[in-house]
Amino acid sequence: MEISIRRASADDLPAIVEILNHGIKTRHSVGYFSAQTVPDMQDWFKIHLDKRFPLFLAETENKTTGWISMSPYRKGREAFNRTGEISAYIHEEYQRCGIGQILLDYMLAFAKASGFKTILAVVFNRNLASIQLLEKNKFEKLGFIPEVAEIDGVILNHLFYGTRI
């Protein structure tokens, strides 16, 4: 399976939202309760048109199979300009195919070349696939917020992972 990576454009938003909505259905990877729409995600997407905070897509045979984004950490506070927060989602039909690793490698290379020093990821404690990927890539658990969310009666913790690059 050949995988290519490229920066997302406005035309990609429907595919990005489709993949996010699968994450919502899993009930352990994102805090939304209901599916998002393209209009719901427009403001979020605009942040990622900034060259410093991109959204990269993985494609296989012209199909979007996953994405990773870099967001500002504590937006507007200059002291955090060298810190970014990443989020990644993989299409349900392409999970466990190595796409998450390829996207993470690509984003970390981008971050290093762009002068970032610290990369953070915030995940629910039930999101085992993301936790395994982060730990495999030498992200350390830096902290957690206990019982910060509840989805379908299940209480979840937020885990903070980070790495220096």
N, C-alpha and C. Protein backbone atom coordinates (compact mmCIF):
# COMPACT_ATOMS: atom_id res chain seq x y z
N MET A 1 0.85 -1.18 0.00
CA MET A 1 0.00 0.00 0.00
C MET A 1 0.90 1.24 0.00
N GLU A 2 0.76 2.05 -1.03
CA GLU A 2 1.53 3.29 -1.12
C GLU A 2 0.75 4.41 -0.45
N ILE A 3 1.44 5.14 0.43
CA ILE A 3 0.82 6.23 1.17
C ILE A 3 1.56 7.51 0.84
N SER A 4 0.82 8.53 0.47
CA SER A 4 1.42 9.84 0.24
C SER A 4 0.87 10.82 1.27
N ILE A 5 1.68 11.81 1.59
CA ILE A 5 1.31 12.83 2.58
C ILE A 5 1.32 14.18 1.89
N ARG A 6 0.32 14.99 2.18
CA ARG A 6 0.27 16.35 1.64
C ARG A 6 -0.52 17.24 2.60
N ARG A 7 -0.33 18.52 2.41
CA ARG A 7 -1.05 19.52 3.20
C ARG A 7 -2.52 19.54 2.75
N ALA A 8 -3.42 19.67 3.69
CA ALA A 8 -4.86 19.70 3.39
C ALA A 8 -5.25 21.03 2.76
N SER A 9 -6.26 20.97 1.92
CA SER A 9 -6.87 22.17 1.34
C SER A 9 -8.35 22.19 1.72
N ALA A 10 -9.01 23.29 1.41
CA ALA A 10 -10.43 23.43 1.77
C ALA A 10 -11.28 22.32 1.16
N ASP A 11 -10.90 21.83 0.00
CA ASP A 11 -11.66 20.76 -0.64
C ASP A 11 -11.61 19.45 0.15
N ASP A 12 -10.65 19.33 1.05
CA ASP A 12 -10.48 18.09 1.82
C ASP A 12 -11.34 18.03 3.08
N LEU A 13 -11.97 19.14 3.42
CA LEU A 13 -12.69 19.18 4.71
C LEU A 13 -13.76 18.10 4.83
N PRO A 14 -14.55 17.79 3.81
CA PRO A 14 -15.53 16.70 3.99
C PRO A 14 -14.89 15.36 4.39
N ALA A 15 -13.78 15.01 3.78
CA ALA A 15 -13.11 13.75 4.13
C ALA A 15 -12.53 13.81 5.54
N ILE A 16 -12.01 14.96 5.93
CA ILE A 16 -11.47 15.15 7.28
C ILE A 16 -12.57 14.98 8.31
N VAL A 17 -13.72 15.58 8.06
CA VAL A 17 -14.86 15.49 8.97
C VAL A 17 -15.38 14.06 9.04
N GLU A 18 -15.41 13.37 7.91
CA GLU A 18 -15.86 11.97 7.90
C GLU A 18 -14.99 11.12 8.83
N ILE A 19 -13.69 11.30 8.75
CA ILE A 19 -12.77 10.53 9.60
C ILE A 19 -12.94 10.93 11.06
N LEU A 20 -13.08 12.21 11.33
CA LEU A 20 -13.33 12.66 12.71
C LEU A 20 -14.60 12.04 13.26
N ASN A 21 -15.65 11.98 12.44
CA ASN A 21 -16.92 11.43 12.90
C ASN A 21 -16.81 9.96 13.26
N HIS A 22 -15.94 9.22 12.62
CA HIS A 22 -15.71 7.84 13.06
C HIS A 22 -15.11 7.85 14.47
N GLY A 23 -14.17 8.76 14.70
CA GLY A 23 -13.59 8.88 16.04
C GLY A 23 -14.64 9.20 17.09
N ILE A 24 -15.61 10.01 16.72
CA ILE A 24 -16.70 10.33 17.65
C ILE A 24 -17.49 9.07 17.97
N LYS A 25 -17.76 8.23 16.96
CA LYS A 25 -18.54 7.00 17.18
C LYS A 25 -17.83 6.02 18.10
N THR A 26 -16.50 6.03 18.13
CA THR A 26 -15.79 5.07 18.99
C THR A 26 -16.00 5.36 20.46
N ARG A 27 -16.32 6.62 20.78
CA ARG A 27 -16.61 7.05 22.15
C ARG A 27 -15.38 7.06 23.05
N HIS A 28 -14.17 7.02 22.47
CA HIS A 28 -12.98 7.08 23.32
C HIS A 28 -11.86 7.95 22.76
N SER A 29 -12.12 8.65 21.64
CA SER A 29 -11.01 9.41 21.08
C SER A 29 -11.28 10.90 20.92
N VAL A 30 -12.50 11.32 21.06
CA VAL A 30 -12.81 12.75 20.93
C VAL A 30 -14.03 13.06 21.81
N GLY A 31 -14.11 14.26 22.31
CA GLY A 31 -15.14 14.59 23.29
C GLY A 31 -16.48 15.03 22.76
N TYR A 32 -16.67 15.00 21.44
CA TYR A 32 -17.99 15.32 20.90
C TYR A 32 -18.94 14.16 21.12
N PHE A 33 -20.23 14.46 21.31
CA PHE A 33 -21.25 13.42 21.42
C PHE A 33 -21.91 13.13 20.08
N SER A 34 -22.00 14.13 19.23
CA SER A 34 -22.70 13.93 17.96
C SER A 34 -21.78 14.29 16.80
N ALA A 35 -22.14 13.75 15.64
CA ALA A 35 -21.35 13.95 14.44
C ALA A 35 -21.22 15.43 14.13
N GLN A 36 -20.06 15.80 13.61
CA GLN A 36 -19.80 17.16 13.19
C GLN A 36 -20.10 17.30 11.70
N THR A 37 -20.34 18.52 11.28
CA THR A 37 -20.58 18.80 9.87
C THR A 37 -19.44 19.67 9.35
N VAL A 38 -19.37 19.80 8.05
CA VAL A 38 -18.35 20.67 7.47
C VAL A 38 -18.49 22.09 8.00
N PRO A 39 -19.71 22.68 8.04
CA PRO A 39 -19.82 24.03 8.63
C PRO A 39 -19.38 24.09 10.10
N ASP A 40 -19.65 23.03 10.86
CA ASP A 40 -19.22 23.00 12.27
C ASP A 40 -17.71 23.14 12.40
N MET A 41 -16.97 22.60 11.43
CA MET A 41 -15.52 22.50 11.53
C MET A 41 -14.78 23.61 10.77
N GLN A 42 -15.51 24.54 10.16
CA GLN A 42 -14.87 25.58 9.35
C GLN A 42 -13.88 26.42 10.15
N ASP A 43 -14.26 26.91 11.32
CA ASP A 43 -13.36 27.76 12.11
C ASP A 43 -12.12 26.99 12.55
N TRP A 44 -12.31 25.76 12.98
CA TRP A 44 -11.18 24.91 13.35
C TRP A 44 -10.24 24.74 12.16
N PHE A 45 -10.81 24.47 10.99
CA PHE A 45 -10.00 24.23 9.80
C PHE A 45 -9.20 25.47 9.42
N LYS A 46 -9.76 26.65 9.55
CA LYS A 46 -9.07 27.89 9.19
C LYS A 46 -7.76 28.05 9.95
N ILE A 47 -7.72 27.60 11.19
CA ILE A 47 -6.47 27.66 11.97
C ILE A 47 -5.36 26.89 11.25
N HIS A 48 -5.75 25.81 10.60
CA HIS A 48 -4.76 24.91 9.99
C HIS A 48 -4.38 25.30 8.56
N LEU A 49 -4.90 26.41 8.09
CA LEU A 49 -4.42 26.97 6.83
C LEU A 49 -3.15 27.77 7.05
N ASP A 50 -2.88 28.10 8.32
CA ASP A 50 -1.65 28.79 8.72
C ASP A 50 -0.47 27.85 8.47
N LYS A 51 0.57 28.34 7.83
CA LYS A 51 1.73 27.49 7.52
C LYS A 51 2.38 26.92 8.77
N ARG A 52 2.28 27.62 9.88
CA ARG A 52 2.91 27.15 11.13
C ARG A 52 2.11 26.04 11.80
N PHE A 53 0.80 25.99 11.58
CA PHE A 53 -0.06 25.01 12.24
C PHE A 53 -0.85 24.22 11.20
N PRO A 54 -0.15 23.33 10.49
CA PRO A 54 -0.76 22.65 9.35
C PRO A 54 -1.64 21.46 9.73
N LEU A 55 -2.32 21.01 8.72
CA LEU A 55 -3.07 19.77 8.76
C LEU A 55 -2.59 18.97 7.55
N PHE A 56 -2.01 17.80 7.80
CA PHE A 56 -1.52 16.95 6.74
C PHE A 56 -2.43 15.75 6.57
N LEU A 57 -2.62 15.36 5.31
CA LEU A 57 -3.44 14.20 4.98
C LEU A 57 -2.56 13.04 4.53
N ALA A 58 -3.00 11.84 4.86
CA ALA A 58 -2.45 10.63 4.26
C ALA A 58 -3.44 10.18 3.19
N GLU A 59 -2.90 9.82 2.03
CA GLU A 59 -3.75 9.34 0.94
C GLU A 59 -3.21 8.02 0.42
N THR A 60 -4.15 7.15 0.10
CA THR A 60 -3.85 5.87 -0.52
C THR A 60 -4.80 5.74 -1.71
N GLU A 61 -4.25 5.60 -2.89
CA GLU A 61 -5.06 5.47 -4.10
C GLU A 61 -6.11 6.58 -4.19
N ASN A 62 -5.67 7.82 -3.96
CA ASN A 62 -6.52 9.02 -4.04
C ASN A 62 -7.65 9.05 -3.02
N LYS A 63 -7.53 8.27 -1.95
CA LYS A 63 -8.52 8.29 -0.88
C LYS A 63 -7.84 8.80 0.38
N THR A 64 -8.49 9.72 1.08
CA THR A 64 -7.95 10.21 2.35
C THR A 64 -8.09 9.11 3.39
N THR A 65 -6.96 8.68 3.94
CA THR A 65 -6.95 7.56 4.88
C THR A 65 -6.61 7.98 6.30
N GLY A 66 -6.24 9.24 6.48
CA GLY A 66 -5.95 9.73 7.82
C GLY A 66 -5.48 11.17 7.76
N TRP A 67 -5.39 11.78 8.92
CA TRP A 67 -4.88 13.15 8.99
C TRP A 67 -4.26 13.42 10.35
N ILE A 68 -3.39 14.42 10.36
CA ILE A 68 -2.75 14.87 11.60
C ILE A 68 -2.70 16.39 11.55
N SER A 69 -2.98 17.01 12.68
CA SER A 69 -2.94 18.48 12.74
C SER A 69 -2.02 18.93 13.86
N MET A 70 -1.50 20.13 13.67
CA MET A 70 -0.73 20.81 14.70
C MET A 70 -1.53 22.06 15.07
N SER A 71 -1.80 22.21 16.35
CA SER A 71 -2.55 23.37 16.84
C SER A 71 -1.68 24.15 17.81
N PRO A 72 -1.98 25.44 17.92
CA PRO A 72 -1.25 26.24 18.91
C PRO A 72 -1.57 25.73 20.32
N TYR A 73 -0.57 25.73 21.16
CA TYR A 73 -0.78 25.42 22.58
C TYR A 73 -0.87 26.75 23.32
N ARG A 74 -1.97 26.97 23.99
CA ARG A 74 -2.21 28.22 24.73
C ARG A 74 -2.11 29.41 23.76
N LYS A 75 -2.95 29.34 22.73
CA LYS A 75 -2.94 30.30 21.62
C LYS A 75 -2.86 31.75 22.11
N GLY A 76 -1.98 32.49 21.47
CA GLY A 76 -1.84 33.91 21.75
C GLY A 76 -0.85 34.24 22.85
N ARG A 77 -0.38 33.25 23.56
CA ARG A 77 0.59 33.47 24.64
C ARG A 77 1.98 33.17 24.08
N GLU A 78 2.75 34.22 23.85
CA GLU A 78 4.02 34.11 23.14
C GLU A 78 5.01 33.14 23.77
N ALA A 79 4.94 32.96 25.07
CA ALA A 79 5.88 32.07 25.75
C ALA A 79 5.76 30.62 25.26
N PHE A 80 4.62 30.28 24.63
CA PHE A 80 4.39 28.92 24.17
C PHE A 80 4.56 28.77 22.66
N ASN A 81 5.20 29.73 22.01
CA ASN A 81 5.32 29.71 20.55
C ASN A 81 6.10 28.51 20.01
N ARG A 82 6.92 27.89 20.82
CA ARG A 82 7.71 26.74 20.35
C ARG A 82 7.10 25.41 20.79
N THR A 83 5.84 25.47 21.24
CA THR A 83 5.12 24.27 21.66
C THR A 83 3.89 24.12 20.79
N GLY A 84 3.66 22.91 20.32
CA GLY A 84 2.47 22.62 19.51
C GLY A 84 1.75 21.41 20.06
N GLU A 85 0.46 21.33 19.76
CA GLU A 85 -0.35 20.19 20.18
C GLU A 85 -0.83 19.46 18.93
N ILE A 86 -0.60 18.17 18.89
CA ILE A 86 -0.99 17.38 17.72
C ILE A 86 -2.24 16.55 18.01
N SER A 87 -2.98 16.30 16.93
CA SER A 87 -4.15 15.40 16.95
C SER A 87 -4.11 14.61 15.66
N ALA A 88 -4.47 13.35 15.72
CA ALA A 88 -4.46 12.51 14.53
C ALA A 88 -5.63 11.54 14.56
N TYR A 89 -6.17 11.29 13.38
CA TYR A 89 -7.28 10.35 13.22
C TYR A 89 -7.05 9.56 11.95
N ILE A 90 -7.36 8.27 12.00
CA ILE A 90 -7.16 7.38 10.87
C ILE A 90 -8.51 6.82 10.44
N HIS A 91 -8.74 6.75 9.14
CA HIS A 91 -9.98 6.20 8.59
C HIS A 91 -10.17 4.79 9.15
N GLU A 92 -11.40 4.46 9.50
CA GLU A 92 -11.67 3.18 10.17
C GLU A 92 -11.23 1.97 9.34
N GLU A 93 -11.24 2.06 8.02
CA GLU A 93 -10.84 0.93 7.19
C GLU A 93 -9.32 0.78 7.05
N TYR A 94 -8.58 1.79 7.57
CA TYR A 94 -7.12 1.79 7.39
C TYR A 94 -6.37 1.82 8.72
N GLN A 95 -7.06 1.57 9.81
CA GLN A 95 -6.36 1.54 11.09
C GLN A 95 -5.49 0.30 11.18
N ARG A 96 -4.41 0.43 11.93
CA ARG A 96 -3.44 -0.65 12.13
C ARG A 96 -2.69 -1.00 10.84
N CYS A 97 -2.55 -0.02 9.95
CA CYS A 97 -1.80 -0.21 8.70
C CYS A 97 -0.53 0.62 8.67
N GLY A 98 -0.20 1.29 9.78
CA GLY A 98 1.01 2.09 9.84
C GLY A 98 0.83 3.55 9.44
N ILE A 99 -0.38 3.95 9.11
CA ILE A 99 -0.63 5.32 8.67
C ILE A 99 -0.40 6.31 9.80
N GLY A 100 -0.81 5.97 11.00
CA GLY A 100 -0.58 6.85 12.15
C GLY A 100 0.90 7.12 12.36
N GLN A 101 1.73 6.10 12.22
CA GLN A 101 3.18 6.27 12.37
C GLN A 101 3.74 7.17 11.28
N ILE A 102 3.30 6.96 10.05
CA ILE A 102 3.79 7.78 8.94
C ILE A 102 3.40 9.24 9.15
N LEU A 103 2.16 9.49 9.54
CA LEU A 103 1.72 10.87 9.80
C LEU A 103 2.48 11.49 10.97
N LEU A 104 2.69 10.73 12.03
CA LEU A 104 3.43 11.26 13.18
C LEU A 104 4.86 11.59 12.79
N ASP A 105 5.52 10.71 12.07
CA ASP A 105 6.89 10.97 11.62
C ASP A 105 6.94 12.25 10.78
N TYR A 106 5.98 12.39 9.89
CA TYR A 106 5.94 13.56 9.01
C TYR A 106 5.75 14.84 9.81
N MET A 107 4.82 14.80 10.77
CA MET A 107 4.55 16.00 11.57
C MET A 107 5.74 16.33 12.46
N LEU A 108 6.38 15.35 13.04
CA LEU A 108 7.54 15.63 13.89
C LEU A 108 8.69 16.23 13.08
N ALA A 109 8.88 15.76 11.87
CA ALA A 109 9.92 16.34 11.00
C ALA A 109 9.56 17.79 10.66
N PHE A 110 8.29 18.03 10.34
CA PHE A 110 7.83 19.39 10.08
C PHE A 110 8.07 20.28 11.29
N ALA A 111 7.69 19.79 12.46
CA ALA A 111 7.80 20.58 13.69
C ALA A 111 9.26 20.94 13.98
N LYS A 112 10.13 19.98 13.83
CA LYS A 112 11.55 20.24 14.08
C LYS A 112 12.09 21.29 13.11
N ALA A 113 11.77 21.13 11.83
CA ALA A 113 12.23 22.08 10.81
C ALA A 113 11.64 23.47 11.02
N SER A 114 10.49 23.54 11.69
CA SER A 114 9.79 24.82 11.90
C SER A 114 10.14 25.48 13.23
N GLY A 115 11.06 24.88 13.98
CA GLY A 115 11.51 25.50 15.22
C GLY A 115 10.73 25.16 16.47
N PHE A 116 9.82 24.20 16.37
CA PHE A 116 9.13 23.76 17.58
C PHE A 116 10.12 22.98 18.45
N LYS A 117 9.94 23.05 19.75
CA LYS A 117 10.80 22.32 20.69
C LYS A 117 10.04 21.27 21.48
N THR A 118 8.75 21.51 21.72
CA THR A 118 7.94 20.58 22.50
C THR A 118 6.66 20.29 21.74
N ILE A 119 6.31 19.00 21.65
CA ILE A 119 5.08 18.58 21.01
C ILE A 119 4.25 17.85 22.06
N LEU A 120 3.00 18.25 22.18
CA LEU A 120 2.08 17.66 23.15
C LEU A 120 0.96 16.93 22.43
N ALA A 121 0.39 15.96 23.12
CA ALA A 121 -0.82 15.27 22.66
C ALA A 121 -1.66 15.02 23.91
N VAL A 122 -2.95 15.27 23.79
CA VAL A 122 -3.87 15.06 24.91
C VAL A 122 -4.87 13.99 24.47
N VAL A 123 -4.93 12.90 25.22
CA VAL A 123 -5.77 11.76 24.85
C VAL A 123 -6.58 11.28 26.03
N PHE A 124 -7.71 10.64 25.72
CA PHE A 124 -8.47 9.97 26.77
C PHE A 124 -7.75 8.69 27.17
N ASN A 125 -7.88 8.31 28.42
CA ASN A 125 -7.22 7.11 28.92
C ASN A 125 -7.69 5.83 28.24
N ARG A 126 -8.84 5.83 27.59
CA ARG A 126 -9.34 4.63 26.89
C ARG A 126 -8.84 4.55 25.44
N ASN A 127 -8.12 5.56 24.98
CA ASN A 127 -7.66 5.59 23.60
C ASN A 127 -6.31 4.85 23.51
N LEU A 128 -6.38 3.56 23.63
CA LEU A 128 -5.17 2.74 23.75
C LEU A 128 -4.29 2.77 22.51
N ALA A 129 -4.89 2.84 21.33
CA ALA A 129 -4.08 2.87 20.10
C ALA A 129 -3.21 4.13 20.06
N SER A 130 -3.79 5.26 20.42
CA SER A 130 -3.00 6.51 20.42
C SER A 130 -1.94 6.48 21.51
N ILE A 131 -2.28 5.97 22.67
CA ILE A 131 -1.31 5.89 23.76
C ILE A 131 -0.13 5.01 23.34
N GLN A 132 -0.41 3.87 22.73
CA GLN A 132 0.67 2.98 22.29
C GLN A 132 1.55 3.65 21.24
N LEU A 133 0.94 4.37 20.30
CA LEU A 133 1.71 5.06 19.27
C LEU A 133 2.60 6.13 19.89
N LEU A 134 2.05 6.91 20.79
CA LEU A 134 2.84 7.97 21.43
C LEU A 134 4.00 7.38 22.23
N GLU A 135 3.72 6.37 23.05
CA GLU A 135 4.78 5.79 23.87
C GLU A 135 5.85 5.12 23.01
N LYS A 136 5.46 4.49 21.93
CA LYS A 136 6.41 3.88 20.99
C LYS A 136 7.37 4.93 20.43
N ASN A 137 6.89 6.15 20.32
CA ASN A 137 7.68 7.23 19.75
C ASN A 137 8.28 8.15 20.81
N LYS A 138 8.46 7.60 22.00
CA LYS A 138 9.17 8.27 23.09
C LYS A 138 8.47 9.53 23.61
N PHE A 139 7.15 9.60 23.42
CA PHE A 139 6.37 10.60 24.13
C PHE A 139 6.24 10.11 25.57
N GLU A 140 6.43 11.00 26.51
CA GLU A 140 6.30 10.65 27.92
C GLU A 140 4.97 11.14 28.46
N LYS A 141 4.39 10.37 29.38
CA LYS A 141 3.19 10.85 30.06
C LYS A 141 3.62 11.92 31.04
N LEU A 142 3.15 13.13 30.80
CA LEU A 142 3.55 14.28 31.61
C LEU A 142 2.55 14.58 32.71
N GLY A 143 1.32 14.12 32.55
CA GLY A 143 0.32 14.39 33.57
C GLY A 143 -1.05 13.94 33.12
N PHE A 144 -2.00 14.17 33.99
CA PHE A 144 -3.38 13.82 33.65
C PHE A 144 -4.34 14.66 34.47
N ILE A 145 -5.53 14.74 33.93
CA ILE A 145 -6.64 15.36 34.65
C ILE A 145 -7.65 14.24 34.87
N PRO A 146 -7.84 13.84 36.12
CA PRO A 146 -8.74 12.72 36.39
C PRO A 146 -10.20 13.12 36.25
N GLU A 147 -10.99 12.18 35.76
CA GLU A 147 -12.45 12.31 35.71
C GLU A 147 -12.90 13.62 35.08
N VAL A 148 -12.26 14.00 33.98
CA VAL A 148 -12.54 15.28 33.33
C VAL A 148 -13.69 15.19 32.33
N ALA A 149 -14.03 13.97 31.89
CA ALA A 149 -15.07 13.82 30.88
C ALA A 149 -15.95 12.62 31.21
N GLU A 150 -17.16 12.67 30.68
CA GLU A 150 -18.07 11.54 30.82
C GLU A 150 -18.75 11.31 29.47
N ILE A 151 -18.61 10.09 28.97
CA ILE A 151 -19.24 9.72 27.71
C ILE A 151 -20.01 8.43 27.94
N ASP A 152 -21.30 8.49 27.70
CA ASP A 152 -22.18 7.32 27.87
C ASP A 152 -22.06 6.71 29.26
N GLY A 153 -21.94 7.54 30.27
CA GLY A 153 -21.84 7.08 31.64
C GLY A 153 -20.46 6.61 32.06
N VAL A 154 -19.50 6.66 31.16
CA VAL A 154 -18.13 6.25 31.47
C VAL A 154 -17.31 7.50 31.77
N ILE A 155 -16.66 7.50 32.93
CA ILE A 155 -15.82 8.61 33.34
C ILE A 155 -14.43 8.41 32.73
N LEU A 156 -13.91 9.48 32.12
CA LEU A 156 -12.62 9.39 31.43
C LEU A 156 -11.63 10.40 31.99
N ASN A 157 -10.37 10.03 31.93
CA ASN A 157 -9.27 10.92 32.30
C ASN A 157 -8.64 11.46 31.02
N HIS A 158 -8.09 12.64 31.12
CA HIS A 158 -7.27 13.18 30.04
C HIS A 158 -5.81 12.94 30.39
N LEU A 159 -5.08 12.34 29.48
CA LEU A 159 -3.66 12.09 29.67
C LEU A 159 -2.89 13.06 28.79
N PHE A 160 -1.86 13.67 29.35
CA PHE A 160 -1.02 14.61 28.61
C PHE A 160 0.29 13.90 28.31
N TYR A 161 0.62 13.80 27.02
CA TYR A 161 1.88 13.23 26.57
C TYR A 161 2.68 14.32 25.89
N GLY A 162 4.00 14.22 25.97
CA GLY A 162 4.83 15.20 25.31
C GLY A 162 6.20 14.65 24.97
N THR A 163 6.83 15.31 24.02
CA THR A 163 8.20 14.98 23.65
C THR A 163 8.94 16.25 23.29
N ARG A 164 10.22 16.23 23.51
CA ARG A 164 11.11 17.34 23.10
C ARG A 164 11.73 16.94 21.78
N ILE A 165 11.81 17.88 20.86
CA ILE A 165 12.41 17.58 19.56
C ILE A 165 13.56 18.55 19.28
